[in-house]
Amino acid sequence: MQFIDQVEVEVYAGKGGDGIVAFRREKYVPAGGPSGGNGGKGGSVILQASANLQTLLDFQYAHQFKAEDGQRGGPKNMTGANGGDRILKVPCGTIVYEANSGQLLGDLVDDQQTLSVAAGGKGGLGNQYFLSNHNRAPGHALPGLPGEHRRLRLELKLLAEVGIIGLPNAGKSTLISVLSSARPKIADYPFTTLIPNLGVVRKPSGDGTVFADIPGLIEGAHLGVGLGHDFLRHVERTRLLLHLIDVTVDDPMGSYGIIQDELSAYEPDLTNRPQVIALNKIDAATNEPHVEQIATNLRELSSCPVFLISGVSQRGLEPMLNEIWRQIDTHSLPPFHC
């Protein structure tokens, strides 16, 4: 499935139906008077969040969406039918902007949450509306009003309880494939992962927690270097960060500092997000005392819990997960952010 997290679309609400001019012509009803009905209201364009979607792919090739027009009024004071609303489903976590002005229109976080982005036009008034003591036979009606037209920018920020961050080749994709049923592409070269991957990890109680593998973070990511600028926005939605560090590289402490600097440069508040640090690939490390010292240094530097794990051999995963569950269950983690 292709991952699309930014699109621009045009939405057109329906035009209101026209009012009509009509007069009653019935036997035994003298001077029947005006009977032209009002037009129906135009349909609106409404965005609806759906937990079943994870991408904005549906908007990649279709860029214009229109609601139904209202129907014109009828004789005998009959009001025209309202136009049907156009409901567009988007993933949970979609932020909606007015493309030209940049105005924030809404943030669709919860499943089935809706946002009206273009209101339908009002129906025109029929001539019966203008009946008065001074005008017993009005001969005019009003047309329906046009619906709103907007150009929208949709941005998706994935909703996940836990975001897995780290430099390329830290083992993020391997870890999420081991912990969940997600099956990302895995290979031994940088930037194997070109899209965020979501996986549901089961707690001992059976409840599911969504983990997100956030790809493409390298030095300079906040400036648009590599892929990180495209995916740093997804880190904003996570409530807890699992920072994965490859212990086989020359400078694991430097790897930690690069990611923390990028988070701080993109959004200073991200460095205050609860974190769990995992030193990965301990099965490939040749100097165990050195790895233990790195873990001690990271605990002192970050004040975060640090675990030694191997995603490939699945060593040390249970204590790490228990700490994640503890923080999720017993701490008041921050809500999802825009």
Protein backbone atom coordinates (compact mmCIF):
# COMPACT_ATOMS: atom_id res chain seq x y z
CA MET A 1 0.00 0.00 0.00
CA GLN A 2 1.38 3.41 -0.98
CA PHE A 3 1.77 5.78 1.97
CA ILE A 4 0.53 9.31 1.28
CA ASP A 5 0.48 11.79 4.16
CA GLN A 6 0.04 15.17 2.42
CA VAL A 7 -2.44 16.14 -0.30
CA GLU A 8 -4.32 19.17 -1.59
CA VAL A 9 -7.92 18.86 -2.73
CA GLU A 10 -10.73 21.14 -3.89
CA VAL A 11 -14.20 20.76 -2.42
CA TYR A 12 -17.42 22.23 -3.78
CA ALA A 13 -20.59 22.33 -1.73
CA GLY A 14 -23.89 22.04 -3.57
CA LYS A 15 -25.82 25.04 -4.87
CA GLY A 16 -29.16 25.77 -3.29
CA GLY A 17 -32.21 25.02 -5.40
CA ASP A 18 -34.09 27.90 -6.99
CA GLY A 19 -37.41 29.13 -5.68
CA ILE A 20 -40.20 29.21 -8.27
CA VAL A 21 -43.11 31.40 -9.24
CA ALA A 22 -46.43 29.57 -9.25
CA PHE A 23 -50.10 30.32 -8.51
CA ARG A 24 -52.87 28.07 -7.35
CA ARG A 25 -55.38 27.18 -10.06
CA GLU A 26 -57.97 25.01 -8.36
CA LYS A 27 -61.68 24.70 -8.88
CA TYR A 28 -63.75 26.29 -6.12
CA VAL A 29 -60.69 28.12 -4.76
CA PRO A 30 -61.16 31.73 -5.84
CA ALA A 31 -58.07 33.94 -5.92
CA GLY A 32 -55.86 31.02 -5.04
CA GLY A 33 -52.78 33.17 -4.64
CA PRO A 34 -49.05 32.40 -4.94
CA SER A 35 -47.89 28.83 -4.34
CA GLY A 36 -44.28 28.71 -5.53
CA GLY A 37 -42.13 26.63 -3.15
CA ASN A 38 -38.63 27.30 -1.84
CA GLY A 39 -35.58 25.54 -3.22
CA GLY A 40 -33.80 22.86 -1.23
CA LYS A 41 -30.48 23.43 0.55
CA GLY A 42 -27.31 22.36 -1.23
CA GLY A 43 -25.33 19.47 0.20
CA SER A 44 -22.22 20.09 2.30
CA VAL A 45 -18.79 18.47 2.02
CA ILE A 46 -17.90 16.68 5.26
CA LEU A 47 -14.67 14.95 6.29
CA GLN A 48 -15.05 11.91 8.54
CA ALA A 49 -12.21 10.19 10.39
CA SER A 50 -11.97 6.42 9.98
CA ALA A 51 -9.81 4.08 12.06
CA ASN A 52 -9.74 1.70 9.06
CA LEU A 53 -7.56 4.06 7.00
CA GLN A 54 -3.83 4.71 7.45
CA THR A 55 -3.04 6.84 4.40
CA LEU A 56 -4.46 9.65 2.24
CA LEU A 57 -3.99 7.51 -0.87
CA ASP A 58 -7.66 7.95 -1.91
CA PHE A 59 -6.91 11.62 -2.60
CA GLN A 60 -3.73 11.09 -4.60
CA TYR A 61 -5.43 10.99 -7.99
CA ALA A 62 -8.92 12.43 -7.37
CA HIS A 63 -8.52 16.06 -6.32
CA GLN A 64 -12.00 17.54 -6.74
CA PHE A 65 -15.10 16.57 -4.77
CA LYS A 66 -18.61 18.02 -5.09
CA ALA A 67 -21.76 17.64 -3.04
CA GLU A 68 -25.22 17.48 -4.63
CA ASP A 69 -27.17 20.60 -5.55
CA GLY A 70 -30.51 21.29 -3.91
CA GLN A 71 -33.63 20.78 -6.03
CA ARG A 72 -35.79 23.66 -7.19
CA GLY A 73 -39.07 24.33 -5.43
CA GLY A 74 -42.36 23.00 -6.71
CA PRO A 75 -45.94 24.26 -7.05
CA LYS A 76 -48.41 23.98 -4.20
CA ASN A 77 -45.80 25.39 -1.81
CA MET A 78 -43.60 22.31 -2.17
CA THR A 79 -40.02 22.77 -0.99
CA GLY A 80 -37.34 21.22 -3.18
CA ALA A 81 -35.31 18.29 -1.85
CA ASN A 82 -32.05 19.05 -0.10
CA GLY A 83 -28.86 18.01 -1.88
CA GLY A 84 -27.01 15.04 -0.44
CA ASP A 85 -23.86 15.70 1.60
CA ARG A 86 -20.53 14.45 0.24
CA ILE A 87 -18.74 12.53 3.01
CA LEU A 88 -15.01 11.99 2.50
CA LYS A 89 -13.30 9.50 4.79
CA VAL A 90 -9.79 10.27 6.05
CA PRO A 91 -7.45 8.51 8.49
CA CYS A 92 -7.56 9.40 12.17
CA GLY A 93 -4.90 12.01 12.78
CA THR A 94 -5.68 14.13 9.70
CA ILE A 95 -5.22 17.88 10.11
CA VAL A 96 -7.19 20.12 7.75
CA TYR A 97 -5.93 23.51 6.56
CA GLU A 98 -7.33 26.08 4.14
CA ALA A 99 -4.65 25.83 1.47
CA ASN A 100 -4.54 29.46 0.39
CA SER A 101 -4.52 31.13 3.80
CA GLY A 102 -3.00 28.33 5.87
CA GLN A 103 -5.87 28.63 8.37
CA LEU A 104 -6.36 25.54 10.54
CA LEU A 105 -9.90 24.27 10.05
CA GLY A 106 -9.83 21.17 12.24
CA ASP A 107 -8.02 18.13 13.56
CA LEU A 108 -9.70 14.75 13.14
CA VAL A 109 -8.33 12.53 15.89
CA ASP A 110 -11.20 10.26 16.97
CA ASP A 111 -12.85 7.53 14.92
CA GLN A 112 -16.07 8.78 13.24
CA GLN A 113 -15.30 12.41 14.14
CA THR A 114 -16.60 14.77 11.46
CA LEU A 115 -15.72 18.22 10.15
CA SER A 116 -17.82 20.26 7.72
CA VAL A 117 -15.37 21.92 5.33
CA ALA A 118 -17.78 23.45 2.78
CA ALA A 119 -21.36 24.47 3.59
CA GLY A 120 -24.12 24.01 1.05
CA GLY A 121 -25.90 27.05 -0.37
CA LYS A 122 -29.32 28.11 0.94
CA GLY A 123 -32.32 27.38 -1.20
CA GLY A 124 -33.99 30.29 -2.99
CA LEU A 125 -37.35 31.60 -1.85
CA GLY A 126 -40.50 30.90 -3.86
CA ASN A 127 -43.04 33.59 -4.58
CA GLN A 128 -45.34 32.38 -1.79
CA TYR A 129 -42.78 33.77 0.66
CA PHE A 130 -43.39 37.31 -0.57
CA LEU A 131 -47.16 37.25 -0.09
CA SER A 132 -48.32 40.22 1.99
CA ASN A 133 -51.27 42.52 2.41
CA HIS A 134 -49.58 44.93 0.04
CA ASN A 135 -48.57 42.31 -2.52
CA ARG A 136 -51.27 39.73 -3.05
CA ALA A 137 -49.77 38.28 -6.23
CA PRO A 138 -45.95 38.42 -6.06
CA GLY A 139 -44.46 37.50 -9.39
CA HIS A 140 -40.87 36.91 -8.45
CA ALA A 141 -38.75 34.30 -6.65
CA LEU A 142 -35.12 34.07 -5.63
CA PRO A 143 -32.43 31.75 -7.00
CA GLY A 144 -30.51 29.43 -4.72
CA LEU A 145 -27.19 30.58 -3.31
CA PRO A 146 -23.96 28.92 -4.42
CA GLY A 147 -22.22 26.51 -2.04
CA GLU A 148 -18.80 27.14 -0.57
CA HIS A 149 -15.72 26.31 -2.60
CA ARG A 150 -12.47 25.64 -0.79
CA ARG A 151 -9.02 24.37 -1.53
CA LEU A 152 -7.81 22.23 1.36
CA ARG A 153 -4.46 20.89 2.47
CA LEU A 154 -4.68 17.61 4.35
CA GLU A 155 -1.79 16.48 6.53
CA LEU A 156 -1.69 13.13 8.25
CA LYS A 157 0.10 12.71 11.57
CA LEU A 158 -0.04 9.07 12.58
CA LEU A 159 -1.66 8.22 15.89
CA ALA A 160 0.45 5.81 17.91
CA GLU A 161 1.01 5.30 21.60
CA VAL A 162 4.70 4.43 21.08
CA GLY A 163 7.01 5.83 18.42
CA ILE A 164 10.21 3.91 17.62
CA ILE A 165 12.95 6.38 16.69
CA GLY A 166 16.63 6.03 15.88
CA LEU A 167 19.20 6.40 13.12
CA PRO A 168 18.96 4.26 9.96
CA ASN A 169 19.97 0.64 10.55
CA ALA A 170 19.28 0.85 14.29
CA GLY A 171 16.90 -2.10 13.86
CA LYS A 172 13.53 -0.31 14.13
CA SER A 173 11.82 -2.32 11.39
CA THR A 174 13.16 -5.60 12.73
CA LEU A 175 11.91 -4.77 16.21
CA ILE A 176 8.38 -3.84 15.10
CA SER A 177 8.21 -7.02 12.99
CA VAL A 178 9.16 -9.09 16.05
CA LEU A 179 6.79 -7.33 18.43
CA SER A 180 3.76 -7.20 16.12
CA SER A 181 2.31 -8.64 12.92
CA ALA A 182 3.69 -5.74 10.86
CA ARG A 183 5.91 -6.94 8.01
CA PRO A 184 8.06 -4.02 6.83
CA LYS A 185 10.81 -4.42 4.26
CA ILE A 186 14.10 -5.17 6.05
CA ALA A 187 17.61 -5.08 4.59
CA ASP A 188 21.13 -4.25 5.74
CA TYR A 189 21.47 -0.78 4.22
CA PRO A 190 20.31 2.71 5.24
CA PHE A 191 16.80 3.91 4.45
CA THR A 192 15.32 0.48 3.92
CA THR A 193 12.18 1.95 5.47
CA LEU A 194 10.72 4.71 3.31
CA ILE A 195 7.33 4.95 5.03
CA PRO A 196 6.20 4.78 8.65
CA ASN A 197 5.07 1.31 9.68
CA LEU A 198 2.34 0.69 12.23
CA GLY A 199 2.04 -2.46 14.31
CA VAL A 200 -0.21 -3.50 17.19
CA VAL A 201 1.68 -4.95 20.15
CA ARG A 202 -0.36 -6.96 22.64
CA LYS A 203 -0.08 -6.35 26.38
CA PRO A 204 -0.25 -9.32 28.77
CA SER A 205 -3.87 -8.29 29.42
CA GLY A 206 -4.64 -8.74 25.71
CA ASP A 207 -5.17 -5.05 24.95
CA GLY A 208 -3.44 -3.74 21.86
CA THR A 209 -1.02 -0.81 21.76
CA VAL A 210 -0.07 0.85 18.47
CA PHE A 211 3.67 1.17 17.81
CA ALA A 212 4.98 3.28 14.91
CA ASP A 213 8.37 2.78 13.26
CA ILE A 214 9.39 6.35 12.31
CA PRO A 215 11.93 6.23 9.45
CA GLY A 216 14.43 8.61 7.97
CA LEU A 217 15.85 10.47 10.96
CA ILE A 218 19.44 11.57 10.38
CA GLU A 219 21.52 14.58 11.29
CA GLY A 220 19.90 17.64 9.71
CA ALA A 221 16.48 16.00 9.38
CA HIS A 222 14.71 19.10 10.75
CA LEU A 223 16.23 21.09 7.87
CA GLY A 224 14.95 18.66 5.25
CA VAL A 225 18.04 16.45 5.00
CA GLY A 226 17.27 12.85 4.06
CA LEU A 227 13.72 11.70 4.72
CA GLY A 228 13.37 12.98 8.26
CA HIS A 229 11.67 16.28 7.43
CA ASP A 230 8.79 14.34 5.89
CA PHE A 231 8.31 12.07 8.90
CA LEU A 232 9.24 14.13 11.97
CA ARG A 233 5.60 15.27 12.08
CA HIS A 234 4.56 11.72 12.93
CA VAL A 235 6.67 11.79 16.10
CA GLU A 236 4.47 14.62 17.41
CA ARG A 237 1.51 12.29 17.82
CA THR A 238 3.25 9.63 19.87
CA ARG A 239 2.83 9.56 23.64
CA LEU A 240 6.04 7.67 24.45
CA LEU A 241 9.26 7.37 22.43
CA LEU A 242 11.29 4.18 22.21
CA HIS A 243 14.77 5.31 21.20
CA LEU A 244 16.66 2.47 19.53
CA ILE A 245 20.47 2.70 19.37
CA ASP A 246 22.79 0.33 17.51
CA VAL A 247 25.59 -0.68 19.94
CA THR A 248 27.78 -1.95 17.09
CA VAL A 249 28.45 1.52 15.67
CA ASP A 250 31.59 3.47 16.61
CA ASP A 251 29.82 6.07 18.75
CA PRO A 252 26.50 4.98 20.29
CA MET A 253 26.48 8.04 22.56
CA GLY A 254 26.83 10.24 19.49
CA SER A 255 23.89 8.43 17.84
CA TYR A 256 21.77 9.25 20.87
CA GLY A 257 22.79 12.92 20.73
CA ILE A 258 22.00 13.26 17.01
CA ILE A 259 18.41 12.10 17.41
CA GLN A 260 17.82 14.20 20.54
CA ASP A 261 19.18 17.28 18.77
CA GLU A 262 16.91 16.72 15.79
CA LEU A 263 13.84 16.32 18.01
CA SER A 264 14.70 19.50 19.89
CA ALA A 265 15.35 21.48 16.70
CA TYR A 266 12.05 20.37 15.14
CA GLU A 267 9.91 20.85 18.26
CA PRO A 268 11.55 21.57 21.63
CA ASP A 269 8.72 19.93 23.54
CA LEU A 270 9.53 16.54 21.95
CA THR A 271 12.62 16.11 24.11
CA ASN A 272 10.36 16.24 27.16
CA ARG A 273 8.25 13.36 25.86
CA PRO A 274 8.61 10.21 28.01
CA GLN A 275 11.34 7.99 26.56
CA VAL A 276 12.64 4.46 26.92
CA ILE A 277 16.12 3.79 25.49
CA ALA A 278 17.05 0.39 24.05
CA LEU A 279 20.61 -0.54 23.09
CA ASN A 280 20.02 -2.94 20.22
CA LYS A 281 22.10 -5.69 18.56
CA ILE A 282 23.80 -6.80 21.77
CA ASP A 283 24.18 -10.28 20.21
CA ALA A 284 26.59 -8.71 17.69
CA ALA A 285 28.55 -6.66 20.25
CA THR A 286 32.09 -7.91 20.91
CA ASN A 287 32.80 -5.99 24.11
CA GLU A 288 30.09 -6.62 26.71
CA PRO A 289 31.64 -4.47 29.50
CA HIS A 290 31.82 -1.58 27.02
CA VAL A 291 28.09 -1.97 26.26
CA GLU A 292 27.27 -1.98 29.98
CA GLN A 293 29.26 1.24 30.39
CA ILE A 294 27.35 2.86 27.53
CA ALA A 295 24.08 1.92 29.24
CA THR A 296 25.29 3.45 32.51
CA ASN A 297 26.36 6.65 30.76
CA LEU A 298 22.99 6.95 28.99
CA ARG A 299 21.09 6.48 32.25
CA GLU A 300 23.08 9.30 33.83
CA LEU A 301 22.79 11.57 30.78
CA SER A 302 19.09 11.07 30.00
CA SER A 303 17.53 9.96 33.31
CA CYS A 304 15.58 7.48 31.18
CA PRO A 305 15.35 3.69 31.66
CA VAL A 306 17.88 1.92 29.42
CA PHE A 307 17.64 -1.72 28.27
CA LEU A 308 19.98 -4.05 26.42
CA ILE A 309 18.13 -5.94 23.70
CA SER A 310 18.44 -7.82 20.45
CA GLY A 311 15.54 -7.60 18.02
CA VAL A 312 16.91 -10.45 15.90
CA SER A 313 17.37 -12.95 18.74
CA GLN A 314 14.55 -11.39 20.81
CA ARG A 315 16.76 -11.01 23.90
CA GLY A 316 15.78 -8.53 26.59
CA LEU A 317 12.44 -7.59 25.01
CA GLU A 318 10.21 -8.55 27.94
CA PRO A 319 11.77 -6.19 30.53
CA MET A 320 11.69 -3.37 27.99
CA LEU A 321 8.02 -3.96 27.19
CA ASN A 322 7.14 -4.21 30.87
CA GLU A 323 8.61 -0.74 31.39
CA ILE A 324 6.64 0.60 28.41
CA TRP A 325 3.40 -0.91 29.75
CA ARG A 326 4.18 0.51 33.20
CA GLN A 327 4.63 4.01 31.85
CA ILE A 328 1.52 3.79 29.68
CA ASP A 329 -0.66 2.35 32.46
CA THR A 330 0.54 4.27 35.51
CA HIS A 331 1.72 7.60 34.16
CA SER A 332 -0.43 10.40 32.88
CA LEU A 333 1.10 10.54 29.42
CA PRO A 334 0.43 13.62 27.29
CA PRO A 335 -2.57 13.52 24.95
CA PHE A 336 -2.17 13.36 21.19
CA HIS A 337 -0.84 16.70 19.93
CA CYS A 338 -1.56 18.57 16.73
